[in-house]
Amino acid sequence: MSEVTDIVVPVLQKIQAQLGRVETDLVNIKEDMHHIKVRLTGLEANVNGLNRRIDHFDHRLGRIERRLDLVEV
């Protein structure tokens, strides 16, 4: 029985060490994903703000063109 134990125990210890590394990697990936989601949310908000500003500029440009009779109404 000790021969089996001598063979199995090191294999199980190796597997346990590998699982520990995988678990650590998963924790790091989860943290990274959280940071990515937070930054992506900020980027989306900034893009929405830029789109509103562009729309506003487009509207103002249209008014200016109409005042100067540069476009047909």
PDB file of N, CA and C in Angstrom:
ATOM      1  N   MET A   1       0.815  -1.193   0.000  1.00  0.00           N
ATOM      2  CA  MET A   1       0.000   0.000   0.000  1.00  0.00           C
ATOM      3  C   MET A   1       0.859   1.257   0.000  1.00  0.00           C
ATOM      4  N   SER A   2       2.027   1.225   0.616  1.00  0.00           N
ATOM      5  CA  SER A   2       2.874   2.406   0.675  1.00  0.00           C
ATOM      6  C   SER A   2       3.452   2.746  -0.696  1.00  0.00           C
ATOM      7  N   GLU A   3       3.617   1.737  -1.558  1.00  0.00           N
ATOM      8  CA  GLU A   3       4.106   2.018  -2.907  1.00  0.00           C
ATOM      9  C   GLU A   3       3.064   2.850  -3.672  1.00  0.00           C
ATOM     10  N   VAL A   4       1.808   2.499  -3.517  1.00  0.00           N
ATOM     11  CA  VAL A   4       0.736   3.243  -4.170  1.00  0.00           C
ATOM     12  C   VAL A   4       0.690   4.664  -3.613  1.00  0.00           C
ATOM     13  N   THR A   5       0.785   4.799  -2.320  1.00  0.00           N
ATOM     14  CA  THR A   5       0.790   6.111  -1.672  1.00  0.00           C
ATOM     15  C   THR A   5       1.968   6.933  -2.152  1.00  0.00           C
ATOM     16  N   ASP A   6       3.127   6.301  -2.276  1.00  0.00           N
ATOM     17  CA  ASP A   6       4.321   7.010  -2.738  1.00  0.00           C
ATOM     18  C   ASP A   6       4.149   7.536  -4.170  1.00  0.00           C
ATOM     19  N   ILE A   7       3.352   6.863  -4.963  1.00  0.00           N
ATOM     20  CA  ILE A   7       3.121   7.288  -6.342  1.00  0.00           C
ATOM     21  C   ILE A   7       1.985   8.302  -6.420  1.00  0.00           C
ATOM     22  N   VAL A   8       0.903   8.049  -5.700  1.00  0.00           N
ATOM     23  CA  VAL A   8      -0.310   8.865  -5.808  1.00  0.00           C
ATOM     24  C   VAL A   8      -0.153  10.225  -5.129  1.00  0.00           C
ATOM     25  N   VAL A   9       0.444  10.260  -3.969  1.00  0.00           N
ATOM     26  CA  VAL A   9       0.542  11.503  -3.203  1.00  0.00           C
ATOM     27  C   VAL A   9       1.288  12.595  -3.982  1.00  0.00           C
ATOM     28  N   PRO A  10       2.432  12.335  -4.576  1.00  0.00           N
ATOM     29  CA  PRO A  10       3.093  13.401  -5.343  1.00  0.00           C
ATOM     30  C   PRO A  10       2.263  13.887  -6.537  1.00  0.00           C
ATOM     31  N   VAL A  11       1.562  12.969  -7.182  1.00  0.00           N
ATOM     32  CA  VAL A  11       0.711  13.358  -8.302  1.00  0.00           C
ATOM     33  C   VAL A  11      -0.420  14.264  -7.813  1.00  0.00           C
ATOM     34  N   LEU A  12      -1.037  13.884  -6.704  1.00  0.00           N
ATOM     35  CA  LEU A  12      -2.109  14.711  -6.139  1.00  0.00           C
ATOM     36  C   LEU A  12      -1.585  16.069  -5.686  1.00  0.00           C
ATOM     37  N   GLN A  13      -0.399  16.115  -5.136  1.00  0.00           N
ATOM     38  CA  GLN A  13       0.189  17.389  -4.720  1.00  0.00           C
ATOM     39  C   GLN A  13       0.462  18.289  -5.930  1.00  0.00           C
ATOM     40  N   LYS A  14       0.924  17.674  -7.018  1.00  0.00           N
ATOM     41  CA  LYS A  14       1.174  18.430  -8.237  1.00  0.00           C
ATOM     42  C   LYS A  14      -0.133  19.004  -8.777  1.00  0.00           C
ATOM     43  N   ILE A  15      -1.173  18.184  -8.790  1.00  0.00           N
ATOM     44  CA  ILE A  15      -2.489  18.631  -9.257  1.00  0.00           C
ATOM     45  C   ILE A  15      -3.010  19.753  -8.374  1.00  0.00           C
ATOM     46  N   GLN A  16      -2.839  19.610  -7.075  1.00  0.00           N
ATOM     47  CA  GLN A  16      -3.297  20.639  -6.150  1.00  0.00           C
ATOM     48  C   GLN A  16      -2.555  21.960  -6.387  1.00  0.00           C
ATOM     49  N   ALA A  17      -1.269  21.903  -6.635  1.00  0.00           N
ATOM     50  CA  ALA A  17      -0.490  23.109  -6.914  1.00  0.00           C
ATOM     51  C   ALA A  17      -0.965  23.757  -8.209  1.00  0.00           C
ATOM     52  N   GLN A  18      -1.224  22.952  -9.233  1.00  0.00           N
ATOM     53  CA  GLN A  18      -1.706  23.488 -10.505  1.00  0.00           C
ATOM     54  C   GLN A  18      -3.070  24.138 -10.342  1.00  0.00           C
ATOM     55  N   LEU A  19      -3.942  23.513  -9.580  1.00  0.00           N
ATOM     56  CA  LEU A  19      -5.270  24.092  -9.334  1.00  0.00           C
ATOM     57  C   LEU A  19      -5.157  25.413  -8.577  1.00  0.00           C
ATOM     58  N   GLY A  20      -4.215  25.488  -7.667  1.00  0.00           N
ATOM     59  CA  GLY A  20      -3.988  26.739  -6.939  1.00  0.00           C
ATOM     60  C   GLY A  20      -3.559  27.855  -7.880  1.00  0.00           C
ATOM     61  N   ARG A  21      -2.679  27.536  -8.837  1.00  0.00           N
ATOM     62  CA  ARG A  21      -2.246  28.536  -9.815  1.00  0.00           C
ATOM     63  C   ARG A  21      -3.403  28.951 -10.721  1.00  0.00           C
ATOM     64  N   VAL A  22      -4.213  27.995 -11.127  1.00  0.00           N
ATOM     65  CA  VAL A  22      -5.380  28.304 -11.972  1.00  0.00           C
ATOM     66  C   VAL A  22      -6.344  29.206 -11.210  1.00  0.00           C
ATOM     67  N   GLU A  23      -6.568  28.906  -9.950  1.00  0.00           N
ATOM     68  CA  GLU A  23      -7.466  29.717  -9.130  1.00  0.00           C
ATOM     69  C   GLU A  23      -6.941  31.152  -9.013  1.00  0.00           C
ATOM     70  N   THR A  24      -5.640  31.289  -8.788  1.00  0.00           N
ATOM     71  CA  THR A  24      -5.037  32.618  -8.710  1.00  0.00           C
ATOM     72  C   THR A  24      -5.195  33.362 -10.026  1.00  0.00           C
ATOM     73  N   ASP A  25      -4.970  32.665 -11.131  1.00  0.00           N
ATOM     74  CA  ASP A  25      -5.130  33.284 -12.446  1.00  0.00           C
ATOM     75  C   ASP A  25      -6.570  33.734 -12.665  1.00  0.00           C
ATOM     76  N   LEU A  26      -7.530  32.922 -12.256  1.00  0.00           N
ATOM     77  CA  LEU A  26      -8.941  33.285 -12.414  1.00  0.00           C
ATOM     78  C   LEU A  26      -9.294  34.520 -11.593  1.00  0.00           C
ATOM     79  N   VAL A  27      -8.769  34.617 -10.405  1.00  0.00           N
ATOM     80  CA  VAL A  27      -9.012  35.797  -9.572  1.00  0.00           C
ATOM     81  C   VAL A  27      -8.452  37.032 -10.270  1.00  0.00           C
ATOM     82  N   ASN A  28      -7.247  36.907 -10.825  1.00  0.00           N
ATOM     83  CA  ASN A  28      -6.641  38.039 -11.536  1.00  0.00           C
ATOM     84  C   ASN A  28      -7.461  38.419 -12.763  1.00  0.00           C
ATOM     85  N   ILE A  29      -7.949  37.429 -13.482  1.00  0.00           N
ATOM     86  CA  ILE A  29      -8.771  37.691 -14.668  1.00  0.00           C
ATOM     87  C   ILE A  29     -10.067  38.389 -14.264  1.00  0.00           C
ATOM     88  N   LYS A  30     -10.687  37.949 -13.186  1.00  0.00           N
ATOM     89  CA  LYS A  30     -11.918  38.596 -12.714  1.00  0.00           C
ATOM     90  C   LYS A  30     -11.665  40.056 -12.362  1.00  0.00           C
ATOM     91  N   GLU A  31     -10.565  40.333 -11.675  1.00  0.00           N
ATOM     92  CA  GLU A  31     -10.237  41.712 -11.323  1.00  0.00           C
ATOM     93  C   GLU A  31      -9.989  42.544 -12.577  1.00  0.00           C
ATOM     94  N   ASP A  32      -9.246  41.983 -13.522  1.00  0.00           N
ATOM     95  CA  ASP A  32      -8.979  42.693 -14.774  1.00  0.00           C
ATOM     96  C   ASP A  32     -10.268  42.981 -15.525  1.00  0.00           C
ATOM     97  N   MET A  33     -11.167  42.018 -15.588  1.00  0.00           N
ATOM     98  CA  MET A  33     -12.443  42.207 -16.283  1.00  0.00           C
ATOM     99  C   MET A  33     -13.262  43.309 -15.614  1.00  0.00           C
ATOM    100  N   HIS A  34     -13.228  43.354 -14.298  1.00  0.00           N
ATOM    101  CA  HIS A  34     -13.957  44.403 -13.580  1.00  0.00           C
ATOM    102  C   HIS A  34     -13.409  45.771 -13.980  1.00  0.00           C
ATOM    103  N   HIS A  35     -12.080  45.911 -13.990  1.00  0.00           N
ATOM    104  CA  HIS A  35     -11.467  47.193 -14.367  1.00  0.00           C
ATOM    105  C   HIS A  35     -11.790  47.544 -15.822  1.00  0.00           C
ATOM    106  N   ILE A  36     -11.785  46.561 -16.690  1.00  0.00           N
ATOM    107  CA  ILE A  36     -12.107  46.794 -18.095  1.00  0.00           C
ATOM    108  C   ILE A  36     -13.548  47.270 -18.236  1.00  0.00           C
ATOM    109  N   LYS A  37     -14.467  46.646 -17.509  1.00  0.00           N
ATOM    110  CA  LYS A  37     -15.874  47.045 -17.585  1.00  0.00           C
ATOM    111  C   LYS A  37     -16.074  48.469 -17.078  1.00  0.00           C
ATOM    112  N   VAL A  38     -15.380  48.817 -16.008  1.00  0.00           N
ATOM    113  CA  VAL A  38     -15.496  50.175 -15.466  1.00  0.00           C
ATOM    114  C   VAL A  38     -14.980  51.183 -16.485  1.00  0.00           C
ATOM    115  N   ARG A  39     -13.828  50.903 -17.086  1.00  0.00           N
ATOM    116  CA  ARG A  39     -13.258  51.819 -18.073  1.00  0.00           C
ATOM    117  C   ARG A  39     -14.136  51.895 -19.327  1.00  0.00           C
ATOM    118  N   LEU A  40     -14.687  50.767 -19.755  1.00  0.00           N
ATOM    119  CA  LEU A  40     -15.549  50.755 -20.930  1.00  0.00           C
ATOM    120  C   LEU A  40     -16.808  51.581 -20.685  1.00  0.00           C
ATOM    121  N   THR A  41     -17.350  51.500 -19.492  1.00  0.00           N
ATOM    122  CA  THR A  41     -18.522  52.306 -19.146  1.00  0.00           C
ATOM    123  C   THR A  41     -18.184  53.787 -19.237  1.00  0.00           C
ATOM    124  N   GLY A  42     -17.014  54.162 -18.753  1.00  0.00           N
ATOM    125  CA  GLY A  42     -16.578  55.556 -18.855  1.00  0.00           C
ATOM    126  C   GLY A  42     -16.410  55.987 -20.300  1.00  0.00           C
ATOM    127  N   LEU A  43     -15.837  55.125 -21.115  1.00  0.00           N
ATOM    128  CA  LEU A  43     -15.668  55.441 -22.533  1.00  0.00           C
ATOM    129  C   LEU A  43     -17.011  55.613 -23.229  1.00  0.00           C
ATOM    130  N   GLU A  44     -17.965  54.749 -22.908  1.00  0.00           N
ATOM    131  CA  GLU A  44     -19.292  54.860 -23.505  1.00  0.00           C
ATOM    132  C   GLU A  44     -19.942  56.188 -23.139  1.00  0.00           C
ATOM    133  N   ALA A  45     -19.789  56.593 -21.896  1.00  0.00           N
ATOM    134  CA  ALA A  45     -20.362  57.873 -21.461  1.00  0.00           C
ATOM    135  C   ALA A  45     -19.701  59.026 -22.220  1.00  0.00           C
ATOM    136  N   ASN A  46     -18.390  58.950 -22.396  1.00  0.00           N
ATOM    137  CA  ASN A  46     -17.687  60.009 -23.127  1.00  0.00           C
ATOM    138  C   ASN A  46     -18.116  60.060 -24.587  1.00  0.00           C
ATOM    139  N   VAL A  47     -18.294  58.910 -25.210  1.00  0.00           N
ATOM    140  CA  VAL A  47     -18.728  58.867 -26.607  1.00  0.00           C
ATOM    141  C   VAL A  47     -20.130  59.456 -26.730  1.00  0.00           C
ATOM    142  N   ASN A  48     -21.000  59.135 -25.794  1.00  0.00           N
ATOM    143  CA  ASN A  48     -22.347  59.705 -25.823  1.00  0.00           C
ATOM    144  C   ASN A  48     -22.302  61.223 -25.702  1.00  0.00           C
ATOM    145  N   GLY A  49     -21.438  61.722 -24.834  1.00  0.00           N
ATOM    146  CA  GLY A  49     -21.285  63.173 -24.692  1.00  0.00           C
ATOM    147  C   GLY A  49     -20.771  63.805 -25.972  1.00  0.00           C
ATOM    148  N   LEU A  50     -19.803  63.163 -26.608  1.00  0.00           N
ATOM    149  CA  LEU A  50     -19.281  63.680 -27.873  1.00  0.00           C
ATOM    150  C   LEU A  50     -20.348  63.669 -28.961  1.00  0.00           C
ATOM    151  N   ASN A  51     -21.140  62.625 -29.006  1.00  0.00           N
ATOM    152  CA  ASN A  51     -22.219  62.561 -29.998  1.00  0.00           C
ATOM    153  C   ASN A  51     -23.217  63.696 -29.807  1.00  0.00           C
ATOM    154  N   ARG A  52     -23.543  64.003 -28.561  1.00  0.00           N
ATOM    155  CA  ARG A  52     -24.461  65.115 -28.287  1.00  0.00           C
ATOM    156  C   ARG A  52     -23.854  66.439 -28.754  1.00  0.00           C
ATOM    157  N   ARG A  53     -22.566  66.612 -28.491  1.00  0.00           N
ATOM    158  CA  ARG A  53     -21.905  67.853 -28.927  1.00  0.00           C
ATOM    159  C   ARG A  53     -21.879  67.953 -30.444  1.00  0.00           C
ATOM    160  N   ILE A  54     -21.586  66.850 -31.115  1.00  0.00           N
ATOM    161  CA  ILE A  54     -21.563  66.856 -32.584  1.00  0.00           C
ATOM    162  C   ILE A  54     -22.947  67.184 -33.127  1.00  0.00           C
ATOM    163  N   ASP A  55     -23.979  66.583 -32.537  1.00  0.00           N
ATOM    164  CA  ASP A  55     -25.352  66.889 -32.960  1.00  0.00           C
ATOM    165  C   ASP A  55     -25.654  68.373 -32.776  1.00  0.00           C
ATOM    166  N   HIS A  56     -25.205  68.922 -31.653  1.00  0.00           N
ATOM    167  CA  HIS A  56     -25.436  70.334 -31.369  1.00  0.00           C
ATOM    168  C   HIS A  56     -24.713  71.197 -32.409  1.00  0.00           C
ATOM    169  N   PHE A  57     -23.473  70.866 -32.728  1.00  0.00           N
ATOM    170  CA  PHE A  57     -22.730  71.619 -33.746  1.00  0.00           C
ATOM    171  C   PHE A  57     -23.429  71.529 -35.102  1.00  0.00           C
ATOM    172  N   ASP A  58     -23.921  70.362 -35.436  1.00  0.00           N
ATOM    173  CA  ASP A  58     -24.619  70.180 -36.710  1.00  0.00           C
ATOM    174  C   ASP A  58     -25.862  71.071 -36.774  1.00  0.00           C
ATOM    175  N   HIS A  59     -26.597  71.102 -35.680  1.00  0.00           N
ATOM    176  CA  HIS A  59     -27.796  71.939 -35.614  1.00  0.00           C
ATOM    177  C   HIS A  59     -27.428  73.417 -35.761  1.00  0.00           C
ATOM    178  N   ARG A  60     -26.403  73.839 -35.048  1.00  0.00           N
ATOM    179  CA  ARG A  60     -25.976  75.242 -35.119  1.00  0.00           C
ATOM    180  C   ARG A  60     -25.481  75.591 -36.521  1.00  0.00           C
ATOM    181  N   LEU A  61     -24.727  74.691 -37.143  1.00  0.00           N
ATOM    182  CA  LEU A  61     -24.238  74.937 -38.495  1.00  0.00           C
ATOM    183  C   LEU A  61     -25.402  75.079 -39.471  1.00  0.00           C
ATOM    184  N   GLY A  62     -26.415  74.249 -39.312  1.00  0.00           N
ATOM    185  CA  GLY A  62     -27.605  74.347 -40.164  1.00  0.00           C
ATOM    186  C   GLY A  62     -28.289  75.694 -40.013  1.00  0.00           C
ATOM    187  N   ARG A  63     -28.390  76.174 -38.780  1.00  0.00           N
ATOM    188  CA  ARG A  63     -28.997  77.491 -38.548  1.00  0.00           C
ATOM    189  C   ARG A  63     -28.172  78.596 -39.194  1.00  0.00           C
ATOM    190  N   ILE A  64     -26.862  78.510 -39.058  1.00  0.00           N
ATOM    191  CA  ILE A  64     -25.977  79.525 -39.660  1.00  0.00           C
ATOM    192  C   ILE A  64     -26.124  79.513 -41.178  1.00  0.00           C
ATOM    193  N   GLU A  65     -26.135  78.325 -41.773  1.00  0.00           N
ATOM    194  CA  GLU A  65     -26.278  78.226 -43.231  1.00  0.00           C
ATOM    195  C   GLU A  65     -27.601  78.821 -43.691  1.00  0.00           C
ATOM    196  N   ARG A  66     -28.685  78.568 -42.944  1.00  0.00           N
ATOM    197  CA  ARG A  66     -29.986  79.121 -43.314  1.00  0.00           C
ATOM    198  C   ARG A  66     -29.988  80.650 -43.206  1.00  0.00           C
ATOM    199  N   ARG A  67     -29.365  81.178 -42.156  1.00  0.00           N
ATOM    200  CA  ARG A  67     -29.310  82.634 -41.976  1.00  0.00           C
ATOM    201  C   ARG A  67     -28.541  83.303 -43.108  1.00  0.00           C
ATOM    202  N   LEU A  68     -27.488  82.655 -43.558  1.00  0.00           N
ATOM    203  CA  LEU A  68     -26.669  83.241 -44.617  1.00  0.00           C
ATOM    204  C   LEU A  68     -27.185  82.878 -45.999  1.00  0.00           C
ATOM    205  N   ASP A  69     -28.318  82.204 -46.050  1.00  0.00           N
ATOM    206  CA  ASP A  69     -28.911  81.759 -47.308  1.00  0.00           C
ATOM    207  C   ASP A  69     -27.943  80.911 -48.132  1.00  0.00           C
ATOM    208  N   LEU A  70     -27.207  80.056 -47.455  1.00  0.00           N
ATOM    209  CA  LEU A  70     -26.275  79.152 -48.150  1.00  0.00           C
ATOM    210  C   LEU A  70     -26.948  77.857 -48.578  1.00  0.00           C
ATOM    211  N   VAL A  71     -28.107  77.561 -47.993  1.00  0.00           N
ATOM    212  CA  VAL A  71     -28.843  76.342 -48.344  1.00  0.00           C
ATOM    213  C   VAL A  71     -30.290  76.718 -48.585  1.00  0.00           C
ATOM    214  N   GLU A  72     -30.964  75.885 -49.357  1.00  0.00           N
ATOM    215  CA  GLU A  72     -32.387  76.108 -49.572  1.00  0.00           C
ATOM    216  C   GLU A  72     -33.162  75.595 -48.373  1.00  0.00           C
ATOM    217  N   VAL A  73     -34.207  76.315 -48.003  1.00  0.00           N
ATOM    218  CA  VAL A  73     -35.012  75.934 -46.843  1.00  0.00           C
ATOM    219  C   VAL A  73     -35.991  74.867 -47.189  1.00  0.00           C
TER     220      VAL A  73
END
